PDB file of N, CA and C in Angstrom:
ATOM      1  N   LYS A   1     242.877 115.058 -46.191  1.00  0.00           N
ATOM      2  CA  LYS A   1     241.562 115.373 -46.788  1.00  0.00           C
ATOM      3  C   LYS A   1     241.591 115.002 -48.274  1.00  0.00           C
ATOM      4  N   VAL A   2     240.552 114.293 -48.745  1.00  0.00           N
ATOM      5  CA  VAL A   2     240.459 113.881 -50.132  1.00  0.00           C
ATOM      6  C   VAL A   2     239.511 114.802 -50.892  1.00  0.00           C
ATOM      7  N   ILE A   3     239.907 115.275 -51.999  1.00  0.00           N
ATOM      8  CA  ILE A   3     239.071 116.178 -52.879  1.00  0.00           C
ATOM      9  C   ILE A   3     238.738 115.396 -54.129  1.00  0.00           C
ATOM     10  N   THR A   4     237.523 115.339 -54.467  1.00  0.00           N
ATOM     11  CA  THR A   4     237.104 114.612 -55.692  1.00  0.00           C
ATOM     12  C   THR A   4     236.538 115.594 -56.685  1.00  0.00           C
ATOM     13  N   GLN A   5     237.003 115.547 -57.928  1.00  0.00           N
ATOM     14  CA  GLN A   5     236.500 116.418 -58.992  1.00  0.00           C
ATOM     15  C   GLN A   5     235.873 115.603 -60.088  1.00  0.00           C
ATOM     16  N   LYS A   6     234.814 116.065 -60.634  1.00  0.00           N
ATOM     17  CA  LYS A   6     234.100 115.404 -61.767  1.00  0.00           C
ATOM     18  C   LYS A   6     233.609 116.456 -62.710  1.00  0.00           C
ATOM     19  N   PRO A   7     233.524 116.099 -64.007  1.00  0.00           N
ATOM     20  CA  PRO A   7     234.077 114.924 -64.667  1.00  0.00           C
ATOM     21  C   PRO A   7     235.566 115.108 -64.825  1.00  0.00           C
ATOM     22  N   SER A   8     236.300 113.966 -65.150  1.00  0.00           N
ATOM     23  CA  SER A   8     237.697 114.026 -65.343  1.00  0.00           C
ATOM     24  C   SER A   8     238.016 114.694 -66.647  1.00  0.00           C
ATOM     25  N   ILE A   9     237.175 114.467 -67.630  1.00  0.00           N
ATOM     26  CA  ILE A   9     237.325 115.113 -68.947  1.00  0.00           C
ATOM     27  C   ILE A   9     236.002 115.710 -69.355  1.00  0.00           C
ATOM     28  N   LEU A  10     236.011 116.909 -69.876  1.00  0.00           N
ATOM     29  CA  LEU A  10     234.730 117.553 -70.235  1.00  0.00           C
ATOM     30  C   LEU A  10     234.963 118.282 -71.601  1.00  0.00           C
ATOM     31  N   THR A  11     234.047 118.027 -72.574  1.00  0.00           N
ATOM     32  CA  THR A  11     234.118 118.622 -73.851  1.00  0.00           C
ATOM     33  C   THR A  11     232.812 119.246 -74.160  1.00  0.00           C
ATOM     34  N   GLU A  12     232.859 120.495 -74.670  1.00  0.00           N
ATOM     35  CA  GLU A  12     231.641 121.194 -75.016  1.00  0.00           C
ATOM     36  C   GLU A  12     231.812 122.076 -76.162  1.00  0.00           C
ATOM     37  N   GLN A  13     230.790 122.399 -76.854  1.00  0.00           N
ATOM     38  CA  GLN A  13     230.835 123.343 -78.085  1.00  0.00           C
ATOM     39  C   GLN A  13     231.049 124.710 -77.600  1.00  0.00           C
ATOM     40  N   LYS A  14     231.776 125.447 -78.500  1.00  0.00           N
ATOM     41  CA  LYS A  14     231.961 126.886 -78.310  1.00  0.00           C
ATOM     42  C   LYS A  14     230.604 127.588 -78.077  1.00  0.00           C
ATOM     43  N   GLY A  15     230.623 128.523 -77.107  1.00  0.00           N
ATOM     44  CA  GLY A  15     229.437 129.288 -76.791  1.00  0.00           C
ATOM     45  C   GLY A  15     228.469 128.713 -75.744  1.00  0.00           C
ATOM     46  N   ARG A  16     228.673 127.412 -75.442  1.00  0.00           N
ATOM     47  CA  ARG A  16     227.815 126.715 -74.484  1.00  0.00           C
ATOM     48  C   ARG A  16     228.357 126.972 -73.072  1.00  0.00           C
ATOM     49  N   SER A  17     227.674 126.367 -72.040  1.00  0.00           N
ATOM     50  CA  SER A  17     228.130 126.435 -70.609  1.00  0.00           C
ATOM     51  C   SER A  17     228.559 125.099 -70.235  1.00  0.00           C
ATOM     52  N   VAL A  18     229.581 125.078 -69.287  1.00  0.00           N
ATOM     53  CA  VAL A  18     230.069 123.884 -68.655  1.00  0.00           C
ATOM     54  C   VAL A  18     230.067 123.983 -67.151  1.00  0.00           C
ATOM     55  N   THR A  19     229.815 122.804 -66.498  1.00  0.00           N
ATOM     56  CA  THR A  19     229.861 122.814 -65.080  1.00  0.00           C
ATOM     57  C   THR A  19     230.790 121.693 -64.561  1.00  0.00           C
ATOM     58  N   MET A  20     231.609 122.095 -63.664  1.00  0.00           N
ATOM     59  CA  MET A  20     232.546 121.156 -63.048  1.00  0.00           C
ATOM     60  C   MET A  20     232.270 121.008 -61.545  1.00  0.00           C
ATOM     61  N   ASP A  21     232.357 119.784 -61.030  1.00  0.00           N
ATOM     62  CA  ASP A  21     232.052 119.578 -59.632  1.00  0.00           C
ATOM     63  C   ASP A  21     233.312 119.346 -58.823  1.00  0.00           C
ATOM     64  N   CYS A  22     233.157 119.709 -57.538  1.00  0.00           N
ATOM     65  CA  CYS A  22     234.263 119.490 -56.534  1.00  0.00           C
ATOM     66  C   CYS A  22     233.607 119.106 -55.229  1.00  0.00           C
ATOM     67  N   ASN A  23     234.026 117.993 -54.760  1.00  0.00           N
ATOM     68  CA  ASN A  23     233.528 117.413 -53.430  1.00  0.00           C
ATOM     69  C   ASN A  23     234.705 117.495 -52.475  1.00  0.00           C
ATOM     70  N   ILE A  24     234.628 118.241 -51.344  1.00  0.00           N
ATOM     71  CA  ILE A  24     235.786 118.396 -50.496  1.00  0.00           C
ATOM     72  C   ILE A  24     235.733 117.436 -49.268  1.00  0.00           C
ATOM     73  N   GLU A  25     234.808 116.488 -49.325  1.00  0.00           N
ATOM     74  CA  GLU A  25     234.734 115.333 -48.359  1.00  0.00           C
ATOM     75  C   GLU A  25     234.265 115.669 -46.953  1.00  0.00           C
ATOM     76  N   LYS A  26     234.774 116.757 -46.383  1.00  0.00           N
ATOM     77  CA  LYS A  26     234.459 117.059 -45.004  1.00  0.00           C
ATOM     78  C   LYS A  26     234.291 118.572 -44.867  1.00  0.00           C
ATOM     79  N   GLU A  27     233.264 119.008 -44.179  1.00  0.00           N
ATOM     80  CA  GLU A  27     232.954 120.408 -44.026  1.00  0.00           C
ATOM     81  C   GLU A  27     233.672 120.895 -42.798  1.00  0.00           C
ATOM     82  N   GLU A  28     234.469 121.947 -42.965  1.00  0.00           N
ATOM     83  CA  GLU A  28     235.199 122.545 -41.834  1.00  0.00           C
ATOM     84  C   GLU A  28     235.138 124.045 -41.984  1.00  0.00           C
ATOM     85  N   GLY A  29     234.068 124.624 -42.454  1.00  0.00           N
ATOM     86  CA  GLY A  29     233.950 126.019 -42.644  1.00  0.00           C
ATOM     87  C   GLY A  29     234.909 126.600 -43.706  1.00  0.00           C
ATOM     88  N   ASN A  30     235.137 125.783 -44.713  1.00  0.00           N
ATOM     89  CA  ASN A  30     236.160 126.108 -45.721  1.00  0.00           C
ATOM     90  C   ASN A  30     235.601 126.944 -46.909  1.00  0.00           C
ATOM     91  N   TYR A  31     236.533 127.737 -47.385  1.00  0.00           N
ATOM     92  CA  TYR A  31     236.376 128.324 -48.761  1.00  0.00           C
ATOM     93  C   TYR A  31     236.866 127.263 -49.702  1.00  0.00           C
ATOM     94  N   VAL A  32     236.384 127.406 -50.942  1.00  0.00           N
ATOM     95  CA  VAL A  32     236.930 126.598 -52.081  1.00  0.00           C
ATOM     96  C   VAL A  32     237.356 127.559 -53.176  1.00  0.00           C
ATOM     97  N   GLY A  33     238.592 127.263 -53.623  1.00  0.00           N
ATOM     98  CA  GLY A  33     239.192 128.031 -54.690  1.00  0.00           C
ATOM     99  C   GLY A  33     239.243 127.185 -55.928  1.00  0.00           C
ATOM    100  N   TRP A  34     239.112 127.843 -57.079  1.00  0.00           N
ATOM    101  CA  TRP A  34     239.276 127.139 -58.363  1.00  0.00           C
ATOM    102  C   TRP A  34     240.480 127.757 -59.080  1.00  0.00           C
ATOM    103  N   TYR A  35     241.225 126.913 -59.796  1.00  0.00           N
ATOM    104  CA  TYR A  35     242.418 127.306 -60.453  1.00  0.00           C
ATOM    105  C   TYR A  35     242.408 126.778 -61.940  1.00  0.00           C
ATOM    106  N   LYS A  36     242.941 127.483 -62.878  1.00  0.00           N
ATOM    107  CA  LYS A  36     243.015 127.082 -64.254  1.00  0.00           C
ATOM    108  C   LYS A  36     244.523 126.868 -64.535  1.00  0.00           C
ATOM    109  N   GLN A  37     244.856 125.747 -65.198  1.00  0.00           N
ATOM    110  CA  GLN A  37     246.298 125.583 -65.595  1.00  0.00           C
ATOM    111  C   GLN A  37     246.348 125.073 -67.038  1.00  0.00           C
ATOM    112  N   ILE A  38     247.177 125.813 -67.807  1.00  0.00           N
ATOM    113  CA  ILE A  38     247.405 125.436 -69.174  1.00  0.00           C
ATOM    114  C   ILE A  38     248.770 124.829 -69.198  1.00  0.00           C
ATOM    115  N   PRO A  39     249.106 123.967 -70.172  1.00  0.00           N
ATOM    116  CA  PRO A  39     250.371 123.288 -70.224  1.00  0.00           C
ATOM    117  C   PRO A  39     251.625 124.253 -70.129  1.00  0.00           C
ATOM    118  N   ASN A  40     252.632 123.831 -69.367  1.00  0.00           N
ATOM    119  CA  ASN A  40     253.866 124.620 -69.163  1.00  0.00           C
ATOM    120  C   ASN A  40     253.714 125.959 -68.596  1.00  0.00           C
ATOM    121  N   ALA A  41     252.660 126.163 -67.752  1.00  0.00           N
ATOM    122  CA  ALA A  41     252.390 127.429 -67.063  1.00  0.00           C
ATOM    123  C   ALA A  41     251.958 127.219 -65.625  1.00  0.00           C
ATOM    124  N   ALA A  42     252.078 128.120 -64.832  1.00  0.00           N
ATOM    125  CA  ALA A  42     251.711 128.000 -63.472  1.00  0.00           C
ATOM    126  C   ALA A  42     250.145 128.092 -63.361  1.00  0.00           C
ATOM    127  N   PRO A  43     249.575 127.528 -62.393  1.00  0.00           N
ATOM    128  CA  PRO A  43     248.086 127.641 -62.245  1.00  0.00           C
ATOM    129  C   PRO A  43     247.665 129.107 -62.018  1.00  0.00           C
ATOM    130  N   GLN A  44     246.562 129.490 -62.552  1.00  0.00           N
ATOM    131  CA  GLN A  44     245.977 130.835 -62.433  1.00  0.00           C
ATOM    132  C   GLN A  44     244.772 130.718 -61.498  1.00  0.00           C
ATOM    133  N   PHE A  45     244.673 131.618 -60.511  1.00  0.00           N
ATOM    134  CA  PHE A  45     243.519 131.700 -59.639  1.00  0.00           C
ATOM    135  C   PHE A  45     242.362 132.220 -60.389  1.00  0.00           C
ATOM    136  N   VAL A  46     241.229 131.434 -60.307  1.00  0.00           N
ATOM    137  CA  VAL A  46     240.008 131.813 -61.075  1.00  0.00           C
ATOM    138  C   VAL A  46     239.076 132.559 -60.088  1.00  0.00           C
ATOM    139  N   LEU A  47     238.675 131.822 -59.027  1.00  0.00           N
ATOM    140  CA  LEU A  47     237.735 132.476 -58.118  1.00  0.00           C
ATOM    141  C   LEU A  47     237.792 131.652 -56.819  1.00  0.00           C
ATOM    142  N   ARG A  48     237.053 132.336 -55.807  1.00  0.00           N
ATOM    143  CA  ARG A  48     236.963 131.656 -54.452  1.00  0.00           C
ATOM    144  C   ARG A  48     235.480 131.809 -54.032  1.00  0.00           C
ATOM    145  N   SER A  49     234.982 130.788 -53.440  1.00  0.00           N
ATOM    146  CA  SER A  49     233.570 130.853 -52.977  1.00  0.00           C
ATOM    147  C   SER A  49     233.503 130.186 -51.570  1.00  0.00           C
ATOM    148  N   TYR A  50     232.432 130.439 -50.890  1.00  0.00           N
ATOM    149  CA  TYR A  50     232.143 129.884 -49.598  1.00  0.00           C
ATOM    150  C   TYR A  50     230.729 129.342 -49.648  1.00  0.00           C
ATOM    151  N   HIS A  51     230.409 128.292 -48.930  1.00  0.00           N
ATOM    152  CA  HIS A  51     229.125 127.617 -49.044  1.00  0.00           C
ATOM    153  C   HIS A  51     227.957 128.493 -48.720  1.00  0.00           C
ATOM    154  N   SER A  52     228.112 129.484 -47.858  1.00  0.00           N
ATOM    155  CA  SER A  52     226.957 130.324 -47.437  1.00  0.00           C
ATOM    156  C   SER A  52     226.772 131.562 -48.422  1.00  0.00           C
ATOM    157  N   HIS A  53     227.696 131.783 -49.311  1.00  0.00           N
ATOM    158  CA  HIS A  53     227.613 132.877 -50.161  1.00  0.00           C
ATOM    159  C   HIS A  53     226.854 132.483 -51.459  1.00  0.00           C
ATOM    160  N   ASN A  54     226.075 133.401 -52.015  1.00  0.00           N
ATOM    161  CA  ASN A  54     225.318 133.036 -53.223  1.00  0.00           C
ATOM    162  C   ASN A  54     226.181 133.148 -54.456  1.00  0.00           C
ATOM    163  N   SER A  55     227.346 133.836 -54.331  1.00  0.00           N
ATOM    164  CA  SER A  55     228.241 133.987 -55.500  1.00  0.00           C
ATOM    165  C   SER A  55     229.682 134.091 -54.941  1.00  0.00           C
ATOM    166  N   PRO A  56     230.630 133.882 -55.875  1.00  0.00           N
ATOM    167  CA  PRO A  56     232.069 134.016 -55.480  1.00  0.00           C
ATOM    168  C   PRO A  56     232.362 135.351 -54.844  1.00  0.00           C
ATOM    169  N   ASP A  57     233.226 135.352 -53.836  1.00  0.00           N
ATOM    170  CA  ASP A  57     233.576 136.602 -53.172  1.00  0.00           C
ATOM    171  C   ASP A  57     234.867 137.216 -53.620  1.00  0.00           C
ATOM    172  N   LYS A  58     235.589 136.445 -54.517  1.00  0.00           N
ATOM    173  CA  LYS A  58     236.892 136.925 -55.011  1.00  0.00           C
ATOM    174  C   LYS A  58     237.184 136.301 -56.380  1.00  0.00           C
ATOM    175  N   TYR A  59     237.708 137.156 -57.287  1.00  0.00           N
ATOM    176  CA  TYR A  59     238.070 136.716 -58.601  1.00  0.00           C
ATOM    177  C   TYR A  59     239.519 136.952 -58.868  1.00  0.00           C
ATOM    178  N   GLY A  60     240.195 136.079 -59.671  1.00  0.00           N
ATOM    179  CA  GLY A  60     241.547 136.319 -60.139  1.00  0.00           C
ATOM    180  C   GLY A  60     241.556 137.259 -61.264  1.00  0.00           C
ATOM    181  N   ASP A  61     242.703 137.863 -61.574  1.00  0.00           N
ATOM    182  CA  ASP A  61     242.939 138.689 -62.663  1.00  0.00           C
ATOM    183  C   ASP A  61     242.499 138.056 -63.991  1.00  0.00           C
ATOM    184  N   GLY A  62     241.751 138.713 -64.757  1.00  0.00           N
ATOM    185  CA  GLY A  62     241.309 138.233 -66.068  1.00  0.00           C
ATOM    186  C   GLY A  62     240.059 137.307 -65.998  1.00  0.00           C
ATOM    187  N   PHE A  63     239.520 137.070 -64.822  1.00  0.00           N
ATOM    188  CA  PHE A  63     238.355 136.224 -64.669  1.00  0.00           C
ATOM    189  C   PHE A  63     237.256 137.054 -64.096  1.00  0.00           C
ATOM    190  N   SER A  64     236.024 137.055 -64.732  1.00  0.00           N
ATOM    191  CA  SER A  64     234.974 137.936 -64.275  1.00  0.00           C
ATOM    192  C   SER A  64     233.677 137.135 -64.074  1.00  0.00           C
ATOM    193  N   SER A  65     232.758 137.783 -63.365  1.00  0.00           N
ATOM    194  CA  SER A  65     231.487 137.118 -63.025  1.00  0.00           C
ATOM    195  C   SER A  65     230.574 136.995 -64.243  1.00  0.00           C
ATOM    196  N   SER A  66     230.951 137.688 -65.341  1.00  0.00           N
ATOM    197  CA  SER A  66     230.115 137.554 -66.575  1.00  0.00           C
ATOM    198  C   SER A  66     230.229 136.191 -67.172  1.00  0.00           C
ATOM    199  N   ARG A  67     231.362 135.521 -66.966  1.00  0.00           N
ATOM    200  CA  ARG A  67     231.576 134.174 -67.533  1.00  0.00           C
ATOM    201  C   ARG A  67     231.918 133.103 -66.511  1.00  0.00           C
ATOM    202  N   PHE A  68     232.464 133.455 -65.407  1.00  0.00           N
ATOM    203  CA  PHE A  68     232.851 132.447 -64.426  1.00  0.00           C
ATOM    204  C   PHE A  68     232.084 132.641 -63.136  1.00  0.00           C
ATOM    205  N   THR A  69     231.466 131.566 -62.658  1.00  0.00           N
ATOM    206  CA  THR A  69     230.794 131.680 -61.378  1.00  0.00           C
ATOM    207  C   THR A  69     230.837 130.297 -60.659  1.00  0.00           C
ATOM    208  N   SER A  70     230.443 130.347 -59.440  1.00  0.00           N
ATOM    209  CA  SER A  70     230.423 129.084 -58.659  1.00  0.00           C
ATOM    210  C   SER A  70     229.262 129.095 -57.701  1.00  0.00           C
ATOM    211  N   ASN A  71     228.766 127.902 -57.406  1.00  0.00           N
ATOM    212  CA  ASN A  71     227.783 127.793 -56.371  1.00  0.00           C
ATOM    213  C   ASN A  71     228.016 126.574 -55.508  1.00  0.00           C
ATOM    214  N   ALA A  72     227.366 126.495 -54.352  1.00  0.00           N
ATOM    215  CA  ALA A  72     227.558 125.367 -53.469  1.00  0.00           C
ATOM    216  C   ALA A  72     226.258 124.614 -53.404  1.00  0.00           C
ATOM    217  N   GLN A  73     226.334 123.350 -53.703  1.00  0.00           N
ATOM    218  CA  GLN A  73     225.189 122.488 -53.556  1.00  0.00           C
ATOM    219  C   GLN A  73     224.973 122.072 -52.135  1.00  0.00           C
ATOM    220  N   SER A  74     226.099 122.104 -51.338  1.00  0.00           N
ATOM    221  CA  SER A  74     226.021 121.833 -49.985  1.00  0.00           C
ATOM    222  C   SER A  74     227.336 122.342 -49.381  1.00  0.00           C
ATOM    223  N   LYS A  75     227.590 122.067 -48.053  1.00  0.00           N
ATOM    224  CA  LYS A  75     228.817 122.528 -47.470  1.00  0.00           C
ATOM    225  C   LYS A  75     230.096 121.765 -47.926  1.00  0.00           C
ATOM    226  N   ILE A  76     229.897 120.714 -48.686  1.00  0.00           N
ATOM    227  CA  ILE A  76     231.009 119.972 -49.189  1.00  0.00           C
ATOM    228  C   ILE A  76     231.059 119.778 -50.750  1.00  0.00           C
ATOM    229  N   HIS A  77     229.933 120.248 -51.389  1.00  0.00           N
ATOM    230  CA  HIS A  77     229.838 120.028 -52.827  1.00  0.00           C
ATOM    231  C   HIS A  77     229.693 121.394 -53.554  1.00  0.00           C
ATOM    232  N   TYR A  78     230.761 121.665 -54.375  1.00  0.00           N
ATOM    233  CA  TYR A  78     230.816 122.976 -55.046  1.00  0.00           C
ATOM    234  C   TYR A  78     230.880 122.771 -56.557  1.00  0.00           C
ATOM    235  N   ASN A  79     230.463 123.805 -57.284  1.00  0.00           N
ATOM    236  CA  ASN A  79     230.496 123.783 -58.791  1.00  0.00           C
ATOM    237  C   ASN A  79     231.216 124.983 -59.320  1.00  0.00           C
ATOM    238  N   LEU A  80     231.948 124.769 -60.413  1.00  0.00           N
ATOM    239  CA  LEU A  80     232.517 125.883 -61.186  1.00  0.00           C
ATOM    240  C   LEU A  80     231.725 125.896 -62.467  1.00  0.00           C
ATOM    241  N   ILE A  81     231.079 127.060 -62.853  1.00  0.00           N
ATOM    242  CA  ILE A  81     230.373 127.188 -64.075  1.00  0.00           C
ATOM    243  C   ILE A  81     231.052 128.222 -64.987  1.00  0.00           C
ATOM    244  N   ILE A  82     231.316 127.759 -66.230  1.00  0.00           N
ATOM    245  CA  ILE A  82     231.913 128.662 -67.216  1.00  0.00           C
ATOM    246  C   ILE A  82     230.866 128.898 -68.295  1.00  0.00           C
ATOM    247  N   SER A  83     230.499 130.084 -68.561  1.00  0.00           N
ATOM    248  CA  SER A  83     229.468 130.416 -69.629  1.00  0.00           C
ATOM    249  C   SER A  83     230.210 130.821 -70.843  1.00  0.00           C
ATOM    250  N   ASN A  84     229.525 130.588 -72.002  1.00  0.00           N
ATOM    251  CA  ASN A  84     230.106 131.034 -73.283  1.00  0.00           C
ATOM    252  C   ASN A  84     231.502 130.538 -73.504  1.00  0.00           C
ATOM    253  N   VAL A  85     231.717 129.284 -73.369  1.00  0.00           N
ATOM    254  CA  VAL A  85     233.024 128.742 -73.428  1.00  0.00           C
ATOM    255  C   VAL A  85     233.726 128.991 -74.777  1.00  0.00           C
ATOM    256  N   ASP A  86     235.052 129.166 -74.731  1.00  0.00           N
ATOM    257  CA  ASP A  86     235.822 129.387 -75.901  1.00  0.00           C
ATOM    258  C   ASP A  86     237.054 128.499 -75.883  1.00  0.00           C
ATOM    259  N   VAL A  87     237.779 128.441 -76.969  1.00  0.00           N
ATOM    260  CA  VAL A  87     238.962 127.611 -77.075  1.00  0.00           C
ATOM    261  C   VAL A  87     239.991 128.003 -75.993  1.00  0.00           C
ATOM    262  N   ASP A  88     240.035 129.208 -75.624  1.00  0.00           N
ATOM    263  CA  ASP A  88     240.983 129.724 -74.604  1.00  0.00           C
ATOM    264  C   ASP A  88     240.653 129.182 -73.250  1.00  0.00           C
ATOM    265  N   ASP A  89     239.455 128.610 -72.998  1.00  0.00           N
ATOM    266  CA  ASP A  89     239.109 128.060 -71.731  1.00  0.00           C
ATOM    267  C   ASP A  89     239.636 126.603 -71.575  1.00  0.00           C
ATOM    268  N   SER A  90     240.223 126.026 -72.694  1.00  0.00           N
ATOM    269  CA  SER A  90     240.731 124.718 -72.596  1.00  0.00           C
ATOM    270  C   SER A  90     241.937 124.674 -71.666  1.00  0.00           C
ATOM    271  N   ALA A  91     241.834 123.811 -70.588  1.00  0.00           N
ATOM    272  CA  ALA A  91     242.828 123.757 -69.567  1.00  0.00           C
ATOM    273  C   ALA A  91     242.438 122.659 -68.571  1.00  0.00           C
ATOM    274  N   VAL A  92     243.391 122.517 -67.665  1.00  0.00           N
ATOM    275  CA  VAL A  92     243.037 121.619 -66.474  1.00  0.00           C
ATOM    276  C   VAL A  92     242.554 122.564 -65.360  1.00  0.00           C
ATOM    277  N   TYR A  93     241.445 122.247 -64.757  1.00  0.00           N
ATOM    278  CA  TYR A  93     240.883 123.121 -63.642  1.00  0.00           C
ATOM    279  C   TYR A  93     241.003 122.278 -62.390  1.00  0.00           C
ATOM    280  N   TYR A  94     241.442 122.926 -61.315  1.00  0.00           N
ATOM    281  CA  TYR A  94     241.599 122.307 -59.995  1.00  0.00           C
ATOM    282  C   TYR A  94     240.760 123.120 -59.002  1.00  0.00           C
ATOM    283  N   CYS A  95     240.213 122.380 -58.017  1.00  0.00           N
ATOM    284  CA  CYS A  95     239.642 123.046 -56.876  1.00  0.00           C
ATOM    285  C   CYS A  95     240.495 122.801 -55.678  1.00  0.00           C
ATOM    286  N   LYS A  96     240.504 123.738 -54.770  1.00  0.00           N
ATOM    287  CA  LYS A  96     241.354 123.726 -53.561  1.00  0.00           C
ATOM    288  C   LYS A  96     240.545 124.130 -52.385  1.00  0.00           C
ATOM    289  N   THR A  97     240.911 123.626 -51.200  1.00  0.00           N
ATOM    290  CA  THR A  97     240.278 124.062 -50.027  1.00  0.00           C
ATOM    291  C   THR A  97     241.261 124.327 -48.947  1.00  0.00           C
ATOM    292  N   TRP A  98     240.899 125.131 -47.975  1.00  0.00           N
ATOM    293  CA  TRP A  98     241.784 125.511 -46.897  1.00  0.00           C
ATOM    294  C   TRP A  98     241.267 124.766 -45.648  1.00  0.00           C
ATOM    295  N   ASP A  99     242.113 124.168 -44.834  1.00  0.00           N
ATOM    296  CA  ASP A  99     241.718 123.573 -43.607  1.00  0.00           C
ATOM    297  C   ASP A  99     241.742 124.534 -42.477  1.00  0.00           C
ATOM    298  N   ASN A 100     240.590 124.896 -41.947  1.00  0.00           N
ATOM    299  CA  ASN A 100     240.523 125.841 -40.839  1.00  0.00           C
ATOM    300  C   ASN A 100     241.033 125.327 -39.505  1.00  0.00           C
ATOM    301  N   THR A 101     241.267 124.049 -39.407  1.00  0.00           N
ATOM    302  CA  THR A 101     241.675 123.555 -38.146  1.00  0.00           C
ATOM    303  C   THR A 101     243.174 123.944 -37.767  1.00  0.00           C
ATOM    304  N   VAL A 102     243.848 124.347 -38.782  1.00  0.00           N
ATOM    305  CA  VAL A 102     245.214 124.750 -38.592  1.00  0.00           C
ATOM    306  C   VAL A 102     245.417 126.162 -39.069  1.00  0.00           C
ATOM    307  N   ARG A 103     245.809 127.027 -38.158  1.00  0.00           N
ATOM    308  CA  ARG A 103     245.987 128.475 -38.526  1.00  0.00           C
ATOM    309  C   ARG A 103     247.362 128.939 -38.043  1.00  0.00           C
ATOM    310  N   GLU A 104     247.934 129.806 -38.766  1.00  0.00           N
ATOM    311  CA  GLU A 104     249.176 130.370 -38.378  1.00  0.00           C
ATOM    312  C   GLU A 104     249.113 131.882 -38.492  1.00  0.00           C
ATOM    313  N   TYR A 105     249.424 132.550 -37.479  1.00  0.00           N
ATOM    314  CA  TYR A 105     249.391 134.015 -37.426  1.00  0.00           C
ATOM    315  C   TYR A 105     250.802 134.537 -37.366  1.00  0.00           C
ATOM    316  N   VAL A 106     251.118 135.442 -38.164  1.00  0.00           N
ATOM    317  CA  VAL A 106     252.450 136.098 -38.231  1.00  0.00           C
ATOM    318  C   VAL A 106     252.334 137.568 -37.957  1.00  0.00           C
ATOM    319  N   SER A 107     253.091 138.026 -36.974  1.00  0.00           N
ATOM    320  CA  SER A 107     253.108 139.428 -36.646  1.00  0.00           C
ATOM    321  C   SER A 107     254.510 139.974 -36.822  1.00  0.00           C
ATOM    322  N   GLN A 108     254.583 141.252 -37.138  1.00  0.00           N
ATOM    323  CA  GLN A 108     255.901 141.899 -37.302  1.00  0.00           C
ATOM    324  C   GLN A 108     256.065 143.062 -36.369  1.00  0.00           C
TER     325      GLN A 108
END
């Protein structure tokens, strides 16, 4: 599966809003997750959303709906929106999807 993100580089003034796009190529009933990574650190989970939900259904620690949100333009096209951007938001952002065609169940 190919995931396309745009724009590759985004610059905005402090206090404004930014929107990043993620196209997951193929709809398979997937959730889309967004991650933030700063240099020399592990990616941080930002949020998770599903195309039929009006807002994200899960947030990572330190990320809240007051500044971070997501919406789906379609079943394959998702946006991450950061409001009131600050210097601390400078990072590489990744989107990720789960393939529902392969599932593994573990029982103990």
